[in-house]
Each structure stands twice: as C-alpha cells, then as structure tokens.
C-alpha cells in the first residue's frame, strides 16, 4: 500500500475517465473509491498506483491535446509526497 493525496487521485481519475481506451476507463473506475476523501492521503494498493502511472504515460502518447495536463500529473507523482 502507498499513501497518496486524494486530490491527485481525483484529478487522475477525471483525466483517465475521458480516455478513448476502455481499459483505461476501467482503471479510472478502479481509482474512484480512493478519490472520495478530499484533503486526505489515502492508502492505495501499489499495483493500482503502478497501473495508473502506466496509463498516464500511455495517455501522453495517445493524446497530444492533453499532454501538458498529463505531464503535470506525472511530475507531481514523480516529485514524491
């Protein structure tokens, strides 16, 4: 388990939910329960975090329109909490 800020998870959830990929949308649905505690750091399974990071990188390649938003989320995650 990894402690993550719920606001970051909520932002990622909203971005991934708009994806054209059904697999990425399914991952977004998996993230949704972790987004319901605003202002808190929540425990998220490490596997979910890893799949989320991979999905963000995939969205970066698939959707140039959202590239700046995705880069910002990746940088925020990479900067550590």
N, C-alpha and C. Protein backbone atom coordinates (compact mmCIF):
# COMPACT_ATOMS: atom_id res chain seq x y z
N UNK A 1 0.84 -1.18 0.00
CA UNK A 1 0.00 0.00 0.00
C UNK A 1 0.89 1.24 0.00
N UNK A 2 0.41 2.26 -0.70
CA UNK A 2 1.12 3.52 -0.83
C UNK A 2 0.17 4.63 -0.42
N UNK A 3 0.64 5.58 0.39
CA UNK A 3 -0.20 6.72 0.75
C UNK A 3 -0.11 7.77 -0.35
N UNK A 4 -1.27 8.15 -0.88
CA UNK A 4 -1.35 9.10 -1.98
C UNK A 4 -2.33 10.21 -1.61
N UNK A 5 -2.08 11.43 -2.07
CA UNK A 5 -3.05 12.50 -1.86
C UNK A 5 -4.33 12.23 -2.66
N UNK A 6 -5.46 12.32 -2.00
CA UNK A 6 -6.74 12.03 -2.67
C UNK A 6 -6.99 13.02 -3.80
N UNK A 7 -6.52 14.27 -3.68
CA UNK A 7 -6.77 15.24 -4.75
C UNK A 7 -6.02 14.84 -6.03
N UNK A 8 -4.82 14.28 -5.91
CA UNK A 8 -4.09 13.82 -7.09
C UNK A 8 -4.85 12.66 -7.74
N UNK A 9 -5.31 11.74 -6.92
CA UNK A 9 -6.06 10.59 -7.44
C UNK A 9 -7.34 11.04 -8.13
N UNK A 10 -8.02 12.05 -7.57
CA UNK A 10 -9.25 12.56 -8.18
C UNK A 10 -8.96 13.19 -9.54
N UNK A 11 -7.88 13.94 -9.63
CA UNK A 11 -7.51 14.57 -10.90
C UNK A 11 -7.18 13.51 -11.95
N UNK A 12 -6.43 12.50 -11.54
CA UNK A 12 -6.07 11.41 -12.46
C UNK A 12 -7.33 10.65 -12.87
N UNK A 13 -8.21 10.40 -11.92
CA UNK A 13 -9.47 9.71 -12.21
C UNK A 13 -10.23 10.45 -13.31
N UNK A 14 -10.38 11.76 -13.17
CA UNK A 14 -11.13 12.55 -14.15
C UNK A 14 -10.47 12.51 -15.52
N UNK A 15 -9.15 12.59 -15.55
CA UNK A 15 -8.43 12.55 -16.82
C UNK A 15 -8.58 11.19 -17.49
N UNK A 16 -8.38 10.12 -16.74
CA UNK A 16 -8.44 8.77 -17.32
C UNK A 16 -9.85 8.40 -17.73
N UNK A 17 -10.83 8.94 -17.03
CA UNK A 17 -12.22 8.63 -17.36
C UNK A 17 -12.59 9.13 -18.76
N UNK A 18 -11.90 10.16 -19.22
CA UNK A 18 -12.16 10.73 -20.55
C UNK A 18 -11.42 10.00 -21.67
N UNK A 19 -10.65 8.99 -21.33
CA UNK A 19 -9.85 8.27 -22.32
C UNK A 19 -10.73 7.52 -23.32
N UNK A 20 -10.21 7.35 -24.52
CA UNK A 20 -10.91 6.57 -25.54
C UNK A 20 -10.74 5.07 -25.30
N UNK A 21 -9.76 4.69 -24.50
CA UNK A 21 -9.46 3.28 -24.23
C UNK A 21 -10.37 2.74 -23.13
N UNK A 22 -11.05 1.65 -23.42
CA UNK A 22 -11.90 1.01 -22.42
C UNK A 22 -11.10 0.50 -21.23
N UNK A 23 -9.89 0.03 -21.49
CA UNK A 23 -9.03 -0.47 -20.42
C UNK A 23 -8.66 0.66 -19.45
N UNK A 24 -8.36 1.82 -20.00
CA UNK A 24 -8.00 2.97 -19.16
C UNK A 24 -9.23 3.45 -18.40
N UNK A 25 -10.39 3.44 -19.02
CA UNK A 25 -11.61 3.83 -18.32
C UNK A 25 -11.91 2.87 -17.17
N UNK A 26 -11.62 1.59 -17.36
CA UNK A 26 -11.80 0.60 -16.28
C UNK A 26 -10.87 0.90 -15.12
N UNK A 27 -9.64 1.31 -15.42
CA UNK A 27 -8.71 1.69 -14.37
C UNK A 27 -9.22 2.92 -13.63
N UNK A 28 -9.79 3.86 -14.36
CA UNK A 28 -10.37 5.05 -13.72
C UNK A 28 -11.45 4.64 -12.73
N UNK A 29 -12.29 3.70 -13.12
CA UNK A 29 -13.34 3.22 -12.22
C UNK A 29 -12.74 2.58 -10.97
N UNK A 30 -11.60 1.92 -11.14
CA UNK A 30 -10.91 1.30 -10.01
C UNK A 30 -10.37 2.36 -9.04
N UNK A 31 -10.00 3.53 -9.58
CA UNK A 31 -9.47 4.61 -8.76
C UNK A 31 -10.56 5.36 -7.99
N UNK A 32 -11.77 5.36 -8.50
CA UNK A 32 -12.83 6.20 -7.94
C UNK A 32 -13.01 6.08 -6.42
N UNK A 33 -13.02 4.90 -5.83
CA UNK A 33 -13.21 4.83 -4.37
C UNK A 33 -12.12 5.55 -3.57
N UNK A 34 -10.94 5.70 -4.15
CA UNK A 34 -9.84 6.34 -3.45
C UNK A 34 -9.91 7.87 -3.54
N UNK A 35 -10.84 8.38 -4.32
CA UNK A 35 -10.94 9.83 -4.53
C UNK A 35 -11.96 10.49 -3.62
N UNK A 36 -12.59 9.72 -2.78
CA UNK A 36 -13.74 10.21 -2.01
C UNK A 36 -13.37 10.76 -0.64
N UNK A 37 -12.10 11.00 -0.41
CA UNK A 37 -11.67 11.56 0.87
C UNK A 37 -10.82 12.80 0.62
N UNK A 38 -11.43 13.87 0.12
CA UNK A 38 -10.66 15.07 -0.25
C UNK A 38 -9.83 15.59 0.91
N UNK A 39 -8.64 16.08 0.58
CA UNK A 39 -7.77 16.66 1.59
C UNK A 39 -7.01 15.64 2.41
N UNK A 40 -7.16 14.38 2.11
CA UNK A 40 -6.50 13.34 2.88
C UNK A 40 -5.54 12.55 2.01
N UNK A 41 -4.65 11.86 2.67
CA UNK A 41 -3.78 10.89 1.99
C UNK A 41 -4.40 9.53 2.25
N UNK A 42 -4.62 8.79 1.19
CA UNK A 42 -5.30 7.51 1.32
C UNK A 42 -4.37 6.37 0.92
N UNK A 43 -4.61 5.22 1.48
CA UNK A 43 -3.85 4.02 1.17
C UNK A 43 -4.35 3.44 -0.15
N UNK A 44 -3.46 3.26 -1.10
CA UNK A 44 -3.80 2.71 -2.41
C UNK A 44 -2.87 1.53 -2.67
N UNK A 45 -3.41 0.41 -3.16
CA UNK A 45 -2.53 -0.71 -3.47
C UNK A 45 -1.45 -0.30 -4.48
N UNK A 46 -0.25 -0.75 -4.22
CA UNK A 46 0.89 -0.40 -5.08
C UNK A 46 0.64 -0.78 -6.55
N UNK A 47 -0.02 -1.90 -6.79
CA UNK A 47 -0.31 -2.33 -8.16
C UNK A 47 -1.22 -1.33 -8.88
N UNK A 48 -2.16 -0.75 -8.16
CA UNK A 48 -3.06 0.25 -8.76
C UNK A 48 -2.27 1.51 -9.11
N UNK A 49 -1.37 1.91 -8.23
CA UNK A 49 -0.54 3.09 -8.49
C UNK A 49 0.31 2.85 -9.73
N UNK A 50 0.90 1.69 -9.84
CA UNK A 50 1.76 1.38 -10.99
C UNK A 50 0.95 1.38 -12.29
N UNK A 51 -0.23 0.74 -12.27
CA UNK A 51 -1.07 0.72 -13.47
C UNK A 51 -1.52 2.14 -13.84
N UNK A 52 -1.76 2.97 -12.83
CA UNK A 52 -2.15 4.35 -13.07
C UNK A 52 -1.02 5.12 -13.75
N UNK A 53 0.20 4.94 -13.27
CA UNK A 53 1.35 5.61 -13.88
C UNK A 53 1.53 5.16 -15.33
N UNK A 54 1.38 3.88 -15.60
CA UNK A 54 1.49 3.38 -16.97
C UNK A 54 0.37 3.94 -17.86
N UNK A 55 -0.83 4.03 -17.32
CA UNK A 55 -1.95 4.58 -18.09
C UNK A 55 -1.70 6.05 -18.41
N UNK A 56 -1.16 6.80 -17.46
CA UNK A 56 -0.85 8.21 -17.72
C UNK A 56 0.17 8.35 -18.84
N UNK A 57 1.20 7.53 -18.79
CA UNK A 57 2.22 7.58 -19.85
C UNK A 57 1.61 7.19 -21.20
N UNK A 58 0.71 6.23 -21.20
CA UNK A 58 0.02 5.84 -22.43
C UNK A 58 -0.85 6.97 -22.97
N UNK A 59 -1.53 7.68 -22.07
CA UNK A 59 -2.35 8.81 -22.49
C UNK A 59 -1.48 9.93 -23.05
N UNK A 60 -0.30 10.08 -22.52
CA UNK A 60 0.63 11.09 -23.02
C UNK A 60 0.95 10.81 -24.49
N UNK A 61 1.14 9.55 -24.81
CA UNK A 61 1.45 9.17 -26.19
C UNK A 61 0.22 9.25 -27.11
N UNK A 62 -0.96 8.91 -26.57
CA UNK A 62 -2.17 8.84 -27.39
C UNK A 62 -2.84 10.19 -27.62
N UNK A 63 -2.71 11.09 -26.68
CA UNK A 63 -3.49 12.32 -26.75
C UNK A 63 -2.62 13.56 -26.59
N UNK A 64 -2.10 14.08 -27.68
CA UNK A 64 -1.27 15.28 -27.60
C UNK A 64 -2.03 16.48 -27.02
N UNK A 65 -3.35 16.51 -27.19
CA UNK A 65 -4.14 17.64 -26.67
C UNK A 65 -4.03 17.75 -25.15
N UNK A 66 -3.94 16.64 -24.48
CA UNK A 66 -3.90 16.65 -23.02
C UNK A 66 -2.49 16.48 -22.47
N UNK A 67 -1.49 16.59 -23.33
CA UNK A 67 -0.12 16.27 -22.92
C UNK A 67 0.36 17.12 -21.76
N UNK A 68 0.05 18.40 -21.73
CA UNK A 68 0.53 19.26 -20.63
C UNK A 68 -0.10 18.85 -19.31
N UNK A 69 -1.39 18.55 -19.33
CA UNK A 69 -2.08 18.11 -18.11
C UNK A 69 -1.49 16.79 -17.60
N UNK A 70 -1.24 15.86 -18.51
CA UNK A 70 -0.67 14.56 -18.13
C UNK A 70 0.75 14.74 -17.61
N UNK A 71 1.55 15.56 -18.28
CA UNK A 71 2.93 15.80 -17.81
C UNK A 71 2.93 16.37 -16.39
N UNK A 72 2.01 17.29 -16.13
CA UNK A 72 1.91 17.88 -14.80
C UNK A 72 1.61 16.80 -13.75
N UNK A 73 0.68 15.91 -14.04
CA UNK A 73 0.34 14.84 -13.09
C UNK A 73 1.52 13.89 -12.87
N UNK A 74 2.22 13.58 -13.94
CA UNK A 74 3.39 12.69 -13.81
C UNK A 74 4.47 13.36 -12.97
N UNK A 75 4.72 14.65 -13.24
CA UNK A 75 5.73 15.38 -12.45
C UNK A 75 5.33 15.44 -10.98
N UNK A 76 4.06 15.67 -10.72
CA UNK A 76 3.59 15.74 -9.33
C UNK A 76 3.82 14.41 -8.62
N UNK A 77 3.56 13.31 -9.31
CA UNK A 77 3.76 11.99 -8.72
C UNK A 77 5.24 11.70 -8.55
N UNK A 78 6.05 12.05 -9.56
CA UNK A 78 7.48 11.78 -9.51
C UNK A 78 8.19 12.61 -8.45
N UNK A 79 7.62 13.77 -8.15
CA UNK A 79 8.22 14.63 -7.13
C UNK A 79 8.10 14.06 -5.74
N UNK A 80 7.29 13.04 -5.60
CA UNK A 80 7.09 12.41 -4.30
C UNK A 80 6.20 13.23 -3.39
N UNK A 81 5.74 12.62 -2.36
CA UNK A 81 4.87 13.32 -1.41
C UNK A 81 5.57 13.36 -0.08
